[in-house]
Protein backbone atom coordinates (compact mmCIF):
# COMPACT_ATOMS: atom_id res chain seq x y z
CA MET A 1 -0.26 -0.12 -0.17
CA GLN A 2 2.83 2.38 0.59
CA ILE A 3 4.21 2.03 -2.89
CA LYS A 4 0.74 2.33 -4.37
CA LEU A 5 -0.57 5.17 -1.97
CA PRO A 6 -0.23 8.30 -0.04
CA ASP A 7 0.44 8.20 3.34
CA TYR A 8 -2.97 9.56 3.86
CA MET A 9 -5.06 7.07 2.19
CA ILE A 10 -3.11 3.99 4.12
CA PRO A 11 -5.68 2.52 5.97
CA ASN A 12 -4.80 3.02 10.27
CA ARG A 13 -5.74 -0.53 11.17
CA LEU A 14 -7.06 -3.78 9.08
CA MET A 15 -9.74 -5.66 10.71
CA ARG A 16 -11.38 -8.96 9.30
CA ILE A 17 -14.79 -9.42 8.93
CA GLU A 18 -17.46 -12.06 8.11
CA LYS A 19 -19.37 -9.90 6.16
CA ILE A 20 -20.27 -6.18 5.19
CA PRO A 21 -23.61 -4.87 7.23
CA VAL A 22 -26.04 -2.96 4.61
CA THR A 23 -29.27 -1.01 5.56
CA ILE A 24 -32.40 -2.19 4.35
CA ASN A 25 -31.37 0.15 1.02
CA GLY A 26 -28.37 -2.45 0.22
CA LYS A 27 -25.87 0.22 1.19
CA LEU A 28 -23.42 0.15 4.00
CA ASP A 29 -24.21 0.02 7.76
CA ALA A 30 -21.01 2.09 8.89
CA LYS A 31 -22.90 2.26 12.46
CA ALA A 32 -22.65 -1.83 12.00
CA LEU A 33 -19.76 -2.19 11.34
CA PRO A 34 -17.43 -3.29 15.06
CA ASP A 35 -16.03 -0.85 16.80
CA ILE A 36 -12.17 -0.76 16.22
CA ASP A 37 -8.96 -0.82 18.98
CA PHE A 38 -6.56 2.03 18.23
CA SER A 39 -4.26 1.47 21.65
CA ALA A 40 -0.90 0.95 21.30
CA ASP A 41 0.83 -2.50 20.78
CA GLU A 42 1.60 -3.71 24.61
CA ASN A 43 4.36 -5.79 22.81
CA ASN A 44 5.89 -2.86 21.05
CA TYR A 45 5.48 -0.74 23.57
CA CYS A 46 7.88 2.05 24.45
CA ALA A 47 7.44 4.32 27.58
CA PRO A 48 8.32 7.60 27.89
CA ARG A 49 12.55 8.45 29.21
CA ASN A 50 12.20 12.30 30.70
CA GLU A 51 9.57 14.66 31.53
CA LEU A 52 8.96 16.40 27.63
CA GLU A 53 8.42 12.92 26.42
CA VAL A 54 5.79 12.09 29.11
CA LYS A 55 4.21 15.50 28.75
CA LEU A 56 3.71 14.87 24.83
CA CYS A 57 2.12 11.40 25.58
CA GLU A 58 0.22 12.97 27.63
CA ILE A 59 -1.25 15.38 25.27
CA TRP A 60 -1.09 12.45 22.43
CA SER A 61 -3.29 10.16 24.79
CA ASP A 62 -5.62 13.25 25.84
CA ILE A 63 -5.94 14.21 21.85
CA LEU A 64 -6.55 11.04 20.78
CA GLY A 65 -8.52 9.52 23.26
CA ILE A 66 -6.22 6.33 24.32
CA GLU A 67 -5.28 5.49 27.83
CA LYS A 68 -1.60 5.00 26.78
CA VAL A 69 0.97 6.74 24.19
CA GLY A 70 4.39 5.12 23.39
CA ILE A 71 7.09 7.64 22.07
CA THR A 72 7.03 5.07 19.11
CA ASP A 73 3.72 4.97 18.30
CA ASP A 74 2.65 6.72 15.34
CA PHE A 75 -0.10 9.47 15.67
CA PHE A 76 -1.81 8.51 12.63
CA ARG A 77 -2.33 4.40 13.33
CA LEU A 78 -3.59 5.31 16.90
CA GLY A 79 -6.64 7.09 15.04
CA GLY A 80 -5.17 10.34 14.42
CA HIS A 81 -6.17 12.79 11.49
CA SER A 82 -5.27 16.56 10.26
CA ILE A 83 -7.68 17.84 12.65
CA GLY A 84 -5.84 16.15 15.44
CA SER A 85 -2.55 17.25 14.32
CA LEU A 86 -4.31 20.40 15.12
CA ARG A 87 -5.63 20.00 18.67
CA ILE A 88 -1.54 18.39 18.78
CA VAL A 89 -0.05 21.50 17.88
CA GLY A 90 -2.09 24.13 20.00
CA ARG A 91 -1.42 21.61 22.91
CA ILE A 92 2.15 21.33 22.96
CA GLU A 93 2.52 25.39 22.36
CA LYS A 94 -0.39 25.70 25.41
CA ASP A 95 1.26 23.61 27.94
CA LEU A 96 4.49 23.91 26.98
CA ASP A 97 5.37 26.80 25.55
CA LEU A 98 7.05 25.08 22.84
CA HIS A 99 6.71 25.67 18.82
CA VAL A 100 5.77 22.47 16.27
CA SER A 101 3.91 22.96 13.41
CA VAL A 102 1.28 20.70 11.54
CA LYS A 103 3.71 19.46 9.09
CA ASP A 104 6.43 18.81 11.70
CA VAL A 105 3.25 15.99 13.45
CA PHE A 106 3.02 14.71 9.65
CA GLU A 107 6.41 14.16 8.38
CA CYS A 108 7.63 12.94 12.49
CA ARG A 109 4.31 10.87 13.51
CA THR A 110 6.01 9.44 16.92
CA ILE A 111 6.63 11.35 19.36
CA GLU A 112 10.54 10.14 19.57
CA SER A 113 10.83 11.97 16.00
CA VAL A 114 9.10 14.82 17.01
CA CYS A 115 11.70 15.19 19.87
CA GLN A 116 15.00 14.24 18.37
CA ASN A 117 13.93 15.94 14.68
CA VAL A 118 11.86 19.47 15.29
CA PHE A 119 12.71 19.98 19.40
CA MET A 120 16.56 18.87 20.15
CA LYS A 121 17.37 21.11 16.43
CA ASN A 122 16.86 24.14 19.30
CA CYS A 123 18.27 22.45 22.37
CA ASN A 124 17.65 25.66 24.38
CA GLN A 125 17.71 25.61 28.28
CA LYS A 126 13.93 25.10 28.65
CA ILE A 127 14.49 22.00 26.25
CA ARG A 128 17.04 21.05 27.55
CA LYS A 129 15.38 21.12 31.52
CA LEU A 130 12.79 19.08 30.53
CA CYS A 131 14.92 16.30 28.85
CA GLY A 132 17.52 15.92 31.77
CA THR A 133 19.96 13.86 30.84
CA HIS A 134 18.25 12.78 27.56
CA CYS A 135 18.87 15.33 25.38
CA TYR A 136 20.13 13.19 22.79
CA GLU A 137 23.50 13.97 22.10
CA GLN A 138 25.16 12.91 18.88
CA GLU A 139 27.08 9.97 18.59
CA VAL A 140 30.44 10.14 16.94
CA LEU A 141 30.78 8.40 13.93
CA ASN A 142 33.41 5.68 13.61
CA GLY A 143 34.73 2.87 10.99
CA GLU A 144 35.26 3.10 7.18
CA VAL A 145 32.30 5.09 4.75
CA PRO A 146 31.75 3.85 1.42
CA LEU A 147 32.84 5.84 -1.91
CA LEU A 148 30.42 8.39 -3.19
CA PRO A 149 29.96 7.88 -7.47
CA ILE A 150 31.26 10.95 -7.56
CA GLN A 151 34.12 10.31 -5.23
CA GLU A 152 35.00 6.74 -7.45
CA TRP A 153 34.83 8.90 -10.36
CA PHE A 154 37.50 11.74 -9.10
CA PHE A 155 39.50 9.15 -7.72
CA MET A 156 40.09 6.84 -11.34
CA LYS A 157 40.07 10.49 -12.96
CA TYR A 158 42.40 12.31 -11.37
CA SER A 159 45.76 10.44 -10.36
CA THR A 160 48.14 13.25 -9.79
CA GLY A 161 47.28 16.28 -8.05
CA MET A 162 44.18 15.17 -6.38
CA SER A 163 45.06 17.21 -3.11
CA HIS A 164 45.02 20.66 -4.97
CA TRP A 165 41.27 19.76 -6.21
CA ASN A 166 38.54 21.64 -3.97
CA GLN A 167 35.21 23.77 -4.07
CA ALA A 168 35.65 27.08 -2.17
CA PHE A 169 32.88 29.68 -1.74
CA LEU A 170 33.15 33.35 -0.55
CA ILE A 171 30.35 34.97 2.10
CA GLU A 172 30.38 38.82 2.45
CA THR A 173 30.09 39.35 5.87
CA PRO A 174 30.82 42.86 8.23
CA ILE A 175 33.88 43.04 10.22
CA LEU A 176 33.95 40.01 12.66
CA ASP A 177 35.53 39.08 16.02
CA GLN A 178 38.38 36.55 15.48
CA ASP A 179 37.87 34.95 18.48
CA ARG A 180 34.23 34.62 18.26
CA LEU A 181 34.62 33.47 14.77
CA LYS A 182 37.33 31.25 15.57
CA ASP A 183 35.03 29.64 18.18
CA SER A 184 31.66 29.48 16.26
CA LEU A 185 33.93 27.89 13.52
CA THR A 186 35.30 24.74 16.52
CA LYS A 187 31.51 23.89 17.48
CA LEU A 188 30.30 23.66 14.01
CA ILE A 189 33.30 21.32 12.75
CA ASP A 190 32.89 19.61 16.09
CA TYR A 191 29.48 18.57 15.77
CA HIS A 192 29.82 17.62 11.85
CA ASP A 193 31.54 14.47 11.92
CA ALA A 194 31.97 14.60 8.03
CA PHE A 195 34.88 17.39 8.90
CA ARG A 196 36.47 14.13 10.49
CA LEU A 197 36.59 12.33 7.34
CA ARG A 198 40.36 11.39 5.48
CA PHE A 199 40.61 9.54 2.26
CA LYS A 200 43.57 6.06 2.34
CA ARG A 201 44.96 4.28 -0.38
CA VAL A 202 45.24 1.07 -1.12
CA GLY A 203 47.05 -0.27 -3.63
CA ASP A 204 48.64 1.75 -6.25
CA VAL A 205 44.55 3.47 -7.12
CA LYS A 206 41.86 2.48 -4.72
CA TYR A 207 40.80 4.46 -2.09
CA PHE A 208 38.60 4.34 0.67
CA GLN A 209 37.04 6.85 3.22
CA TYR A 210 37.09 6.69 7.13
CA TYR A 211 36.42 8.71 9.81
CA ASP A 212 39.59 9.80 12.07
CA ASP A 213 39.42 9.23 15.37
CA SER A 214 42.61 11.40 16.36
CA VAL A 215 41.20 14.91 14.33
CA ASN A 216 41.92 17.50 17.50
CA VAL A 217 39.47 20.53 15.91
CA PRO A 218 40.34 23.23 18.03
CA GLY A 219 44.15 22.06 17.53
CA ILE A 220 43.85 21.79 14.25
CA LEU A 221 41.44 24.39 12.95
CA PRO A 222 42.82 25.77 9.46
CA PHE A 223 41.94 28.90 9.78
CA ASN A 224 43.95 31.89 7.76
CA HIS A 225 43.22 35.92 8.17
CA LEU A 226 44.74 38.09 5.75
CA ASP A 227 44.23 42.04 6.06
CA VAL A 228 44.00 42.76 2.46
CA SER A 229 44.93 47.00 3.42
CA SER A 230 48.72 45.61 3.71
CA LEU A 231 48.92 44.64 0.47
CA GLY A 232 48.35 47.85 -0.36
CA GLN A 233 46.51 50.38 -3.92
CA SER A 234 49.21 49.34 -6.49
CA GLU A 235 48.79 46.99 -9.70
CA ASN A 236 50.45 43.98 -8.01
CA SER A 237 47.96 43.57 -5.39
CA VAL A 238 45.32 41.92 -7.02
CA ILE A 239 48.31 39.19 -7.84
CA LEU A 240 49.21 38.94 -4.58
CA LEU A 241 46.43 38.44 -2.79
CA ARG A 242 45.38 35.38 -5.79
CA ASP A 243 49.16 34.42 -5.32
CA ILE A 244 48.00 34.31 -1.28
CA LEU A 245 44.63 32.33 -2.06
CA THR A 246 46.32 29.83 -3.97
CA LYS A 247 49.07 28.95 -1.28
CA TRP A 248 45.66 28.47 1.29
CA GLN A 249 44.82 25.97 -1.23
CA SER A 250 47.84 24.22 -1.68
CA ARG A 251 47.53 23.04 2.35
CA PHE A 252 45.01 20.14 1.55
CA ASP A 253 46.13 16.52 2.06
CA ILE A 254 43.88 14.26 0.82
CA GLU A 255 45.38 11.55 3.11
CA LYS A 256 46.43 13.24 6.57
CA GLY A 257 44.47 16.48 6.24
CA PRO A 258 43.18 19.31 6.31
CA LEU A 259 40.20 18.68 3.51
CA TRP A 260 39.23 22.05 4.43
CA ALA A 261 40.17 25.53 5.80
CA ILE A 262 38.49 29.14 6.30
CA GLY A 263 40.13 32.28 5.49
CA TYR A 264 38.81 35.62 6.84
CA LEU A 265 39.96 38.56 4.73
CA ASN A 266 39.30 42.44 5.88
CA GLY A 267 40.81 45.72 5.26
CA PHE A 268 38.05 46.36 3.02
CA ALA A 269 36.79 49.85 2.12
CA GLU A 270 33.41 50.29 4.01
CA GLY A 271 33.84 48.24 6.70
CA ARG A 272 33.22 44.83 4.92
CA ALA A 273 35.10 41.84 5.49
CA GLN A 274 35.01 38.16 4.03
CA VAL A 275 34.46 34.83 5.00
């Protein structure tokens, strides 16, 4: 059914009956159909783990009219619908003073998923307090990772000078506090495991990628800074700037790292800067 039908057309429950009740006019007698039990499956019940999940389970239970709701129970398979999702959103904002959209309810469907994909993306002080020690800390990834098709193509096509190939982008900014910028970058890089990926060659041409557990983000943050006003206003200033940026890009090492770098340029007119 999931292949053929959209989510809203998939039945929440299937029940076998001996015959379809009909009225004296030969039409379906909906009132004579047996009641369906939308309560959660006790065998698959997953209890809430913190105060936030407890409160969400209580709201789910109240809206759905079901005594016991677990954090992995699907809202719509418990009998929920679009009107019910509106009531869920309203109750969460009223009781918990937290924001969630109807779209979030439709996409996440379970309390566990709402917590992980909506609330924990904005893990503020209130949410941390409600979650206690269960604040869904991101697990550190390790081990090997299969190459993407474009990566396999790259290693087959470029056998020399591959450490220099890179993709750069530029962001226009006001003048930034460099210490705060470095601190923000350190937190960003520490959060995303992909920054720890390294490549290793096996044999003559084959490569694989893996998470390097030895990477110490604050210790190896490749931060480059240039005050462009120091280059002067001569005709050679553009050439000097290009040479410096090229030098920054020549420090990549596809096996030992780093595979990324940050540059901060200030000294432009009108108090502009670039990252």
